[in-house]
Amino acid sequence: MQFRGNVDTRVDKLAAGEAQATLLAAAGLDRLGRPDVGVAIPIEVMLPAPAQGAVGIEARRADAKCCALVAALDHAPTHASEGAERA
């Protein structure tokens, strides 16, 4: 079953009994100021998806100027750990 909609739509569907559960991003709920929604899933139960919290930037390899600008933003330890998580 696909369960689509914004936070309020999903919460309403749960209240109406259309589904028993839904997964929502904690970061999104924080941004919306909705601490009342949901319960966090402990890391011991389910690991977060790789690269949560990391920002990815794409650049054309042939564009040396753009690559140099983006390289200045690269944080080597984060780059390495996110690459390892995705591998």
N, C-alpha and C. Protein backbone atom coordinates (compact mmCIF):
# COMPACT_ATOMS: atom_id res chain seq x y z
N MET A 1 0.84 -1.17 0.00
CA MET A 1 0.00 0.00 0.00
C MET A 1 0.88 1.24 0.00
N GLN A 2 0.66 2.12 -0.93
CA GLN A 2 1.38 3.39 -0.92
C GLN A 2 0.66 4.36 0.00
N PHE A 3 1.44 5.07 0.74
CA PHE A 3 0.90 5.97 1.75
C PHE A 3 1.51 7.33 1.49
N ARG A 4 0.80 8.17 0.77
CA ARG A 4 1.35 9.46 0.35
C ARG A 4 0.66 10.61 1.06
N GLY A 5 1.35 11.75 1.03
CA GLY A 5 0.78 12.96 1.58
C GLY A 5 1.73 13.62 2.55
N ASN A 6 1.38 14.84 2.93
CA ASN A 6 2.21 15.55 3.90
C ASN A 6 1.98 14.97 5.30
N VAL A 7 2.64 15.52 6.29
CA VAL A 7 2.55 14.98 7.64
C VAL A 7 1.10 14.95 8.13
N ASP A 8 0.38 16.05 7.97
CA ASP A 8 -1.00 16.09 8.47
C ASP A 8 -1.88 15.07 7.75
N THR A 9 -1.69 14.91 6.45
CA THR A 9 -2.46 13.92 5.69
C THR A 9 -2.19 12.52 6.20
N ARG A 10 -0.94 12.21 6.45
CA ARG A 10 -0.58 10.87 6.95
C ARG A 10 -1.12 10.64 8.35
N VAL A 11 -1.01 11.63 9.21
CA VAL A 11 -1.53 11.49 10.58
C VAL A 11 -3.05 11.30 10.53
N ASP A 12 -3.72 12.04 9.67
CA ASP A 12 -5.18 11.89 9.53
C ASP A 12 -5.54 10.48 9.04
N LYS A 13 -4.76 9.95 8.08
CA LYS A 13 -5.03 8.60 7.58
C LYS A 13 -4.83 7.56 8.67
N LEU A 14 -3.82 7.77 9.51
CA LEU A 14 -3.62 6.85 10.63
C LEU A 14 -4.80 6.90 11.59
N ALA A 15 -5.25 8.12 11.90
CA ALA A 15 -6.39 8.29 12.81
C ALA A 15 -7.66 7.66 12.24
N ALA A 16 -7.79 7.69 10.92
CA ALA A 16 -8.98 7.11 10.27
C ALA A 16 -8.87 5.60 10.11
N GLY A 17 -7.73 5.03 10.51
CA GLY A 17 -7.57 3.58 10.41
C GLY A 17 -7.20 3.08 9.03
N GLU A 18 -6.78 3.99 8.13
CA GLU A 18 -6.40 3.57 6.78
C GLU A 18 -5.06 2.86 6.76
N ALA A 19 -4.27 3.01 7.80
CA ALA A 19 -2.98 2.34 7.93
C ALA A 19 -2.67 2.20 9.42
N GLN A 20 -1.75 1.29 9.73
CA GLN A 20 -1.38 1.09 11.12
C GLN A 20 -0.15 1.88 11.52
N ALA A 21 0.66 2.26 10.54
CA ALA A 21 1.89 2.99 10.84
C ALA A 21 2.40 3.69 9.59
N THR A 22 3.27 4.67 9.79
CA THR A 22 3.97 5.33 8.70
C THR A 22 5.33 5.75 9.23
N LEU A 23 6.30 5.91 8.34
CA LEU A 23 7.61 6.39 8.72
C LEU A 23 7.76 7.83 8.24
N LEU A 24 8.18 8.69 9.14
CA LEU A 24 8.40 10.10 8.82
C LEU A 24 9.80 10.49 9.26
N ALA A 25 10.43 11.37 8.53
CA ALA A 25 11.77 11.81 8.87
C ALA A 25 11.75 12.72 10.08
N ALA A 26 12.58 12.40 11.07
CA ALA A 26 12.65 13.21 12.28
C ALA A 26 13.09 14.64 11.96
N ALA A 27 14.01 14.79 11.00
CA ALA A 27 14.47 16.13 10.63
C ALA A 27 13.32 16.97 10.08
N GLY A 28 12.48 16.36 9.28
CA GLY A 28 11.33 17.07 8.74
C GLY A 28 10.35 17.46 9.83
N LEU A 29 10.10 16.56 10.76
CA LEU A 29 9.19 16.87 11.87
C LEU A 29 9.77 17.99 12.73
N ASP A 30 11.09 17.97 12.94
CA ASP A 30 11.74 19.05 13.69
C ASP A 30 11.55 20.39 12.98
N ARG A 31 11.77 20.40 11.66
CA ARG A 31 11.62 21.65 10.89
C ARG A 31 10.19 22.19 10.97
N LEU A 32 9.24 21.27 11.00
CA LEU A 32 7.83 21.67 11.05
C LEU A 32 7.38 22.02 12.47
N GLY A 33 8.25 21.81 13.45
CA GLY A 33 7.86 22.08 14.83
C GLY A 33 6.80 21.11 15.32
N ARG A 34 6.95 19.83 14.93
CA ARG A 34 5.95 18.81 15.27
C ARG A 34 6.52 17.72 16.18
N PRO A 35 6.99 18.08 17.38
CA PRO A 35 7.53 17.06 18.27
C PRO A 35 6.47 16.09 18.79
N ASP A 36 5.20 16.43 18.59
CA ASP A 36 4.09 15.62 19.06
C ASP A 36 3.82 14.41 18.18
N VAL A 37 4.43 14.36 17.00
CA VAL A 37 4.14 13.29 16.05
C VAL A 37 5.18 12.18 16.17
N GLY A 38 4.70 10.97 16.37
CA GLY A 38 5.56 9.80 16.27
C GLY A 38 6.44 9.50 17.45
N VAL A 39 7.18 8.42 17.27
CA VAL A 39 8.13 7.92 18.25
C VAL A 39 9.40 7.55 17.49
N ALA A 40 10.53 7.98 17.99
CA ALA A 40 11.80 7.67 17.33
C ALA A 40 12.07 6.17 17.39
N ILE A 41 12.61 5.64 16.31
CA ILE A 41 13.01 4.23 16.26
C ILE A 41 14.47 4.15 16.72
N PRO A 42 14.75 3.39 17.77
CA PRO A 42 16.13 3.32 18.27
C PRO A 42 17.08 2.75 17.20
N ILE A 43 18.31 3.22 17.22
CA ILE A 43 19.32 2.75 16.27
C ILE A 43 19.54 1.25 16.40
N GLU A 44 19.34 0.70 17.59
CA GLU A 44 19.48 -0.75 17.78
C GLU A 44 18.43 -1.53 17.01
N VAL A 45 17.32 -0.88 16.66
CA VAL A 45 16.23 -1.53 15.94
C VAL A 45 16.36 -1.32 14.43
N MET A 46 16.70 -0.10 14.02
CA MET A 46 16.81 0.20 12.59
C MET A 46 17.82 1.32 12.39
N LEU A 47 18.85 1.04 11.60
CA LEU A 47 19.86 2.05 11.32
C LEU A 47 19.30 3.11 10.38
N PRO A 48 19.74 4.36 10.52
CA PRO A 48 19.31 5.39 9.57
C PRO A 48 19.90 5.10 8.19
N ALA A 49 19.30 5.66 7.17
CA ALA A 49 19.81 5.49 5.82
C ALA A 49 21.19 6.12 5.71
N PRO A 50 22.04 5.60 4.82
CA PRO A 50 23.37 6.19 4.65
C PRO A 50 23.29 7.67 4.27
N ALA A 51 24.27 8.42 4.73
CA ALA A 51 24.47 9.82 4.37
C ALA A 51 23.42 10.76 4.94
N GLN A 52 22.72 10.36 5.99
CA GLN A 52 21.77 11.27 6.61
C GLN A 52 22.52 12.46 7.18
N GLY A 53 22.13 13.64 6.79
CA GLY A 53 22.77 14.85 7.29
C GLY A 53 23.92 15.34 6.44
N ALA A 54 24.34 14.56 5.46
CA ALA A 54 25.43 15.00 4.58
C ALA A 54 24.84 15.68 3.35
N VAL A 55 25.52 16.69 2.87
CA VAL A 55 25.08 17.41 1.68
C VAL A 55 25.93 16.95 0.50
N GLY A 56 25.28 16.56 -0.57
CA GLY A 56 25.99 16.13 -1.77
C GLY A 56 25.87 17.18 -2.85
N ILE A 57 26.96 17.45 -3.52
CA ILE A 57 26.98 18.42 -4.61
C ILE A 57 27.57 17.74 -5.84
N GLU A 58 26.88 17.85 -6.95
CA GLU A 58 27.38 17.29 -8.20
C GLU A 58 27.98 18.39 -9.05
N ALA A 59 29.04 18.04 -9.75
CA ALA A 59 29.68 18.99 -10.67
C ALA A 59 30.20 18.22 -11.88
N ARG A 60 30.22 18.87 -13.01
CA ARG A 60 30.78 18.25 -14.21
C ARG A 60 32.29 18.13 -14.05
N ARG A 61 32.82 16.94 -14.27
CA ARG A 61 34.26 16.71 -14.13
C ARG A 61 35.07 17.64 -15.02
N ALA A 62 34.54 17.96 -16.17
CA ALA A 62 35.27 18.80 -17.13
C ALA A 62 35.29 20.27 -16.73
N ASP A 63 34.48 20.65 -15.76
CA ASP A 63 34.41 22.05 -15.33
C ASP A 63 35.38 22.25 -14.15
N ALA A 64 36.64 22.52 -14.48
CA ALA A 64 37.69 22.62 -13.46
C ALA A 64 37.41 23.71 -12.44
N LYS A 65 36.89 24.85 -12.88
CA LYS A 65 36.60 25.95 -11.96
C LYS A 65 35.54 25.54 -10.93
N CYS A 66 34.48 24.93 -11.41
CA CYS A 66 33.41 24.48 -10.51
C CYS A 66 33.93 23.40 -9.56
N CYS A 67 34.70 22.46 -10.08
CA CYS A 67 35.24 21.39 -9.24
C CYS A 67 36.15 21.95 -8.15
N ALA A 68 36.93 22.98 -8.47
CA ALA A 68 37.80 23.60 -7.48
C ALA A 68 36.97 24.27 -6.38
N LEU A 69 35.88 24.93 -6.77
CA LEU A 69 35.01 25.58 -5.79
C LEU A 69 34.37 24.54 -4.87
N VAL A 70 33.88 23.46 -5.46
CA VAL A 70 33.22 22.41 -4.68
C VAL A 70 34.24 21.71 -3.78
N ALA A 71 35.45 21.50 -4.28
CA ALA A 71 36.48 20.83 -3.49
C ALA A 71 36.78 21.59 -2.21
N ALA A 72 36.66 22.91 -2.25
CA ALA A 72 36.91 23.72 -1.06
C ALA A 72 35.88 23.44 0.04
N LEU A 73 34.73 22.92 -0.34
CA LEU A 73 33.68 22.61 0.64
C LEU A 73 33.78 21.19 1.19
N ASP A 74 34.58 20.36 0.54
CA ASP A 74 34.66 18.95 0.91
C ASP A 74 35.30 18.78 2.28
N HIS A 75 34.68 17.96 3.10
CA HIS A 75 35.21 17.62 4.43
C HIS A 75 35.65 16.17 4.34
N ALA A 76 36.97 15.95 4.26
CA ALA A 76 37.52 14.63 3.97
C ALA A 76 37.01 13.52 4.90
N PRO A 77 36.96 13.71 6.22
CA PRO A 77 36.46 12.62 7.07
C PRO A 77 35.00 12.26 6.78
N THR A 78 34.15 13.27 6.55
CA THR A 78 32.75 13.00 6.22
C THR A 78 32.65 12.32 4.86
N HIS A 79 33.41 12.79 3.89
CA HIS A 79 33.42 12.20 2.54
C HIS A 79 33.78 10.71 2.64
N ALA A 80 34.81 10.40 3.40
CA ALA A 80 35.26 9.02 3.54
C ALA A 80 34.20 8.15 4.25
N SER A 81 33.62 8.68 5.33
CA SER A 81 32.64 7.86 6.07
C SER A 81 31.36 7.66 5.25
N GLU A 82 30.93 8.66 4.52
CA GLU A 82 29.73 8.49 3.70
C GLU A 82 29.99 7.53 2.54
N GLY A 83 31.18 7.59 1.97
CA GLY A 83 31.53 6.62 0.93
C GLY A 83 31.53 5.20 1.46
N ALA A 84 32.05 5.03 2.67
CA ALA A 84 32.07 3.71 3.30
C ALA A 84 30.65 3.23 3.60
N GLU A 85 29.78 4.11 4.09
CA GLU A 85 28.40 3.72 4.37
C GLU A 85 27.70 3.28 3.10
N ARG A 86 27.87 4.02 2.03
CA ARG A 86 27.19 3.69 0.77
C ARG A 86 27.74 2.40 0.14
N ALA A 87 29.03 2.13 0.38
CA ALA A 87 29.62 0.90 -0.16
C ALA A 87 29.05 -0.32 0.55
